[in-house]
Amino acid sequence: MKLLLDSTRCQGYGLCQEPAPELIDLDEWGYAQVLVGEVPADRADAAAAAVAACPNSALRLVK
């Protein structure tokens, strides 16, 4: 499973990082940066929570 970011939709709220700090980092302005290509199976729930936390739907999971 991959965690994908549409950086044009990210508004820098930073809510996505809270449930998945090992998968998502924030730059100096608070915009998301995905840290992994493939989401480890044991972090799938955290990735899904990060996607759900984004108010602008900038993140998505693909299989």
N, C-alpha and C. Protein backbone atom coordinates (compact mmCIF):
# COMPACT_ATOMS: atom_id res chain seq x y z
N MET A 1 0.85 -1.16 0.00
CA MET A 1 0.00 0.00 0.00
C MET A 1 0.90 1.23 0.00
N LYS A 2 0.52 2.24 -0.79
CA LYS A 2 1.29 3.48 -0.88
C LYS A 2 0.47 4.63 -0.33
N LEU A 3 1.14 5.54 0.33
CA LEU A 3 0.54 6.77 0.82
C LEU A 3 0.96 7.88 -0.14
N LEU A 4 -0.01 8.47 -0.81
CA LEU A 4 0.27 9.49 -1.81
C LEU A 4 -0.21 10.86 -1.34
N LEU A 5 0.55 11.88 -1.68
CA LEU A 5 0.24 13.25 -1.31
C LEU A 5 0.05 14.08 -2.56
N ASP A 6 -1.06 14.79 -2.62
CA ASP A 6 -1.28 15.79 -3.67
C ASP A 6 -0.90 17.13 -3.03
N SER A 7 0.33 17.55 -3.26
CA SER A 7 0.84 18.75 -2.58
C SER A 7 0.09 20.02 -2.97
N THR A 8 -0.60 20.00 -4.11
CA THR A 8 -1.38 21.18 -4.50
C THR A 8 -2.62 21.36 -3.63
N ARG A 9 -3.05 20.28 -2.97
CA ARG A 9 -4.23 20.35 -2.10
C ARG A 9 -3.87 20.63 -0.64
N CYS A 10 -2.62 20.37 -0.26
CA CYS A 10 -2.20 20.54 1.13
C CYS A 10 -2.21 22.03 1.50
N GLN A 11 -2.84 22.32 2.62
CA GLN A 11 -2.92 23.70 3.11
C GLN A 11 -2.08 23.93 4.37
N GLY A 12 -1.33 22.91 4.79
CA GLY A 12 -0.41 23.07 5.90
C GLY A 12 -1.04 23.04 7.29
N TYR A 13 -2.15 22.38 7.43
CA TYR A 13 -2.78 22.28 8.76
C TYR A 13 -1.98 21.37 9.69
N GLY A 14 -1.30 20.37 9.14
CA GLY A 14 -0.47 19.47 9.94
C GLY A 14 -1.22 18.39 10.69
N LEU A 15 -2.51 18.27 10.48
CA LEU A 15 -3.30 17.28 11.21
C LEU A 15 -2.94 15.85 10.84
N CYS A 16 -2.44 15.65 9.64
CA CYS A 16 -2.10 14.31 9.16
C CYS A 16 -0.90 13.72 9.90
N GLN A 17 -0.03 14.54 10.39
CA GLN A 17 1.18 14.03 11.04
C GLN A 17 0.90 13.44 12.42
N GLU A 18 -0.10 13.93 13.10
CA GLU A 18 -0.38 13.48 14.46
C GLU A 18 -0.58 11.97 14.56
N PRO A 19 -1.40 11.35 13.70
CA PRO A 19 -1.58 9.89 13.82
C PRO A 19 -0.45 9.08 13.20
N ALA A 20 0.41 9.71 12.40
CA ALA A 20 1.43 8.93 11.67
C ALA A 20 2.75 9.70 11.52
N PRO A 21 3.38 10.07 12.62
CA PRO A 21 4.63 10.85 12.51
C PRO A 21 5.77 10.10 11.86
N GLU A 22 5.70 8.77 11.85
CA GLU A 22 6.76 7.98 11.20
C GLU A 22 6.54 7.86 9.69
N LEU A 23 5.38 8.30 9.23
CA LEU A 23 5.05 8.24 7.80
C LEU A 23 5.03 9.61 7.13
N ILE A 24 4.74 10.64 7.93
CA ILE A 24 4.57 11.98 7.40
C ILE A 24 5.36 12.98 8.23
N ASP A 25 6.09 13.83 7.55
CA ASP A 25 6.80 14.91 8.20
C ASP A 25 6.20 16.22 7.71
N LEU A 26 6.45 17.28 8.44
CA LEU A 26 6.00 18.60 8.02
C LEU A 26 7.22 19.46 7.72
N ASP A 27 7.13 20.24 6.64
CA ASP A 27 8.24 21.13 6.33
C ASP A 27 8.18 22.35 7.25
N GLU A 28 9.06 23.30 7.05
CA GLU A 28 9.15 24.45 7.94
C GLU A 28 7.91 25.33 7.92
N TRP A 29 7.05 25.19 6.91
CA TRP A 29 5.81 25.96 6.83
C TRP A 29 4.60 25.12 7.22
N GLY A 30 4.82 23.88 7.60
CA GLY A 30 3.73 23.01 8.05
C GLY A 30 3.10 22.16 6.96
N TYR A 31 3.67 22.16 5.76
CA TYR A 31 3.13 21.35 4.68
C TYR A 31 3.66 19.92 4.78
N ALA A 32 2.80 18.97 4.44
CA ALA A 32 3.13 17.55 4.57
C ALA A 32 4.15 17.09 3.56
N GLN A 33 4.94 16.11 3.99
CA GLN A 33 5.88 15.40 3.14
C GLN A 33 5.81 13.93 3.53
N VAL A 34 5.52 13.07 2.58
CA VAL A 34 5.45 11.64 2.86
C VAL A 34 6.86 11.09 2.96
N LEU A 35 7.13 10.34 4.01
CA LEU A 35 8.47 9.82 4.29
C LEU A 35 8.73 8.43 3.74
N VAL A 36 7.68 7.71 3.36
CA VAL A 36 7.84 6.33 2.91
C VAL A 36 7.20 6.12 1.54
N GLY A 37 7.75 5.20 0.78
CA GLY A 37 7.13 4.82 -0.48
C GLY A 37 6.02 3.82 -0.24
N GLU A 38 6.37 2.76 0.45
CA GLU A 38 5.41 1.71 0.81
C GLU A 38 5.12 1.80 2.30
N VAL A 39 3.85 1.76 2.65
CA VAL A 39 3.46 1.79 4.06
C VAL A 39 3.63 0.38 4.62
N PRO A 40 4.40 0.23 5.70
CA PRO A 40 4.52 -1.09 6.33
C PRO A 40 3.15 -1.59 6.80
N ALA A 41 2.93 -2.87 6.72
CA ALA A 41 1.63 -3.45 7.08
C ALA A 41 1.21 -3.08 8.50
N ASP A 42 2.16 -2.99 9.41
CA ASP A 42 1.82 -2.67 10.79
C ASP A 42 1.50 -1.19 11.00
N ARG A 43 1.65 -0.37 9.97
CA ARG A 43 1.35 1.06 10.06
C ARG A 43 0.17 1.45 9.18
N ALA A 44 -0.52 0.46 8.64
CA ALA A 44 -1.66 0.73 7.75
C ALA A 44 -2.76 1.50 8.46
N ASP A 45 -3.04 1.18 9.71
CA ASP A 45 -4.07 1.91 10.44
C ASP A 45 -3.68 3.36 10.66
N ALA A 46 -2.41 3.61 10.95
CA ALA A 46 -1.92 4.98 11.13
C ALA A 46 -2.02 5.76 9.82
N ALA A 47 -1.68 5.11 8.72
CA ALA A 47 -1.78 5.77 7.42
C ALA A 47 -3.23 6.12 7.10
N ALA A 48 -4.14 5.21 7.38
CA ALA A 48 -5.57 5.47 7.14
C ALA A 48 -6.06 6.62 8.03
N ALA A 49 -5.58 6.69 9.26
CA ALA A 49 -5.97 7.77 10.16
C ALA A 49 -5.43 9.11 9.65
N ALA A 50 -4.23 9.10 9.10
CA ALA A 50 -3.65 10.33 8.54
C ALA A 50 -4.48 10.82 7.36
N VAL A 51 -4.89 9.89 6.50
CA VAL A 51 -5.73 10.24 5.35
C VAL A 51 -7.05 10.84 5.84
N ALA A 52 -7.64 10.23 6.83
CA ALA A 52 -8.92 10.71 7.37
C ALA A 52 -8.78 12.06 8.06
N ALA A 53 -7.62 12.35 8.61
CA ALA A 53 -7.41 13.60 9.35
C ALA A 53 -7.23 14.81 8.44
N CYS A 54 -6.90 14.59 7.18
CA CYS A 54 -6.64 15.70 6.27
C CYS A 54 -7.95 16.37 5.86
N PRO A 55 -8.13 17.65 6.20
CA PRO A 55 -9.38 18.32 5.85
C PRO A 55 -9.51 18.65 4.36
N ASN A 56 -8.42 18.58 3.62
CA ASN A 56 -8.45 18.92 2.19
C ASN A 56 -8.28 17.72 1.28
N SER A 57 -8.31 16.52 1.83
CA SER A 57 -8.16 15.29 1.05
C SER A 57 -6.89 15.30 0.20
N ALA A 58 -5.80 15.77 0.78
CA ALA A 58 -4.52 15.83 0.06
C ALA A 58 -3.80 14.48 0.09
N LEU A 59 -4.19 13.62 1.00
CA LEU A 59 -3.57 12.29 1.12
C LEU A 59 -4.54 11.21 0.66
N ARG A 60 -3.95 10.13 0.12
CA ARG A 60 -4.78 8.97 -0.22
C ARG A 60 -3.91 7.72 -0.17
N LEU A 61 -4.57 6.62 0.07
CA LEU A 61 -3.90 5.32 0.07
C LEU A 61 -4.27 4.57 -1.20
N VAL A 62 -3.27 3.97 -1.83
CA VAL A 62 -3.53 3.13 -3.01
C VAL A 62 -2.86 1.79 -2.80
N LYS A 63 -3.50 0.74 -3.33
CA LYS A 63 -2.95 -0.61 -3.18
C LYS A 63 -2.15 -1.00 -4.38
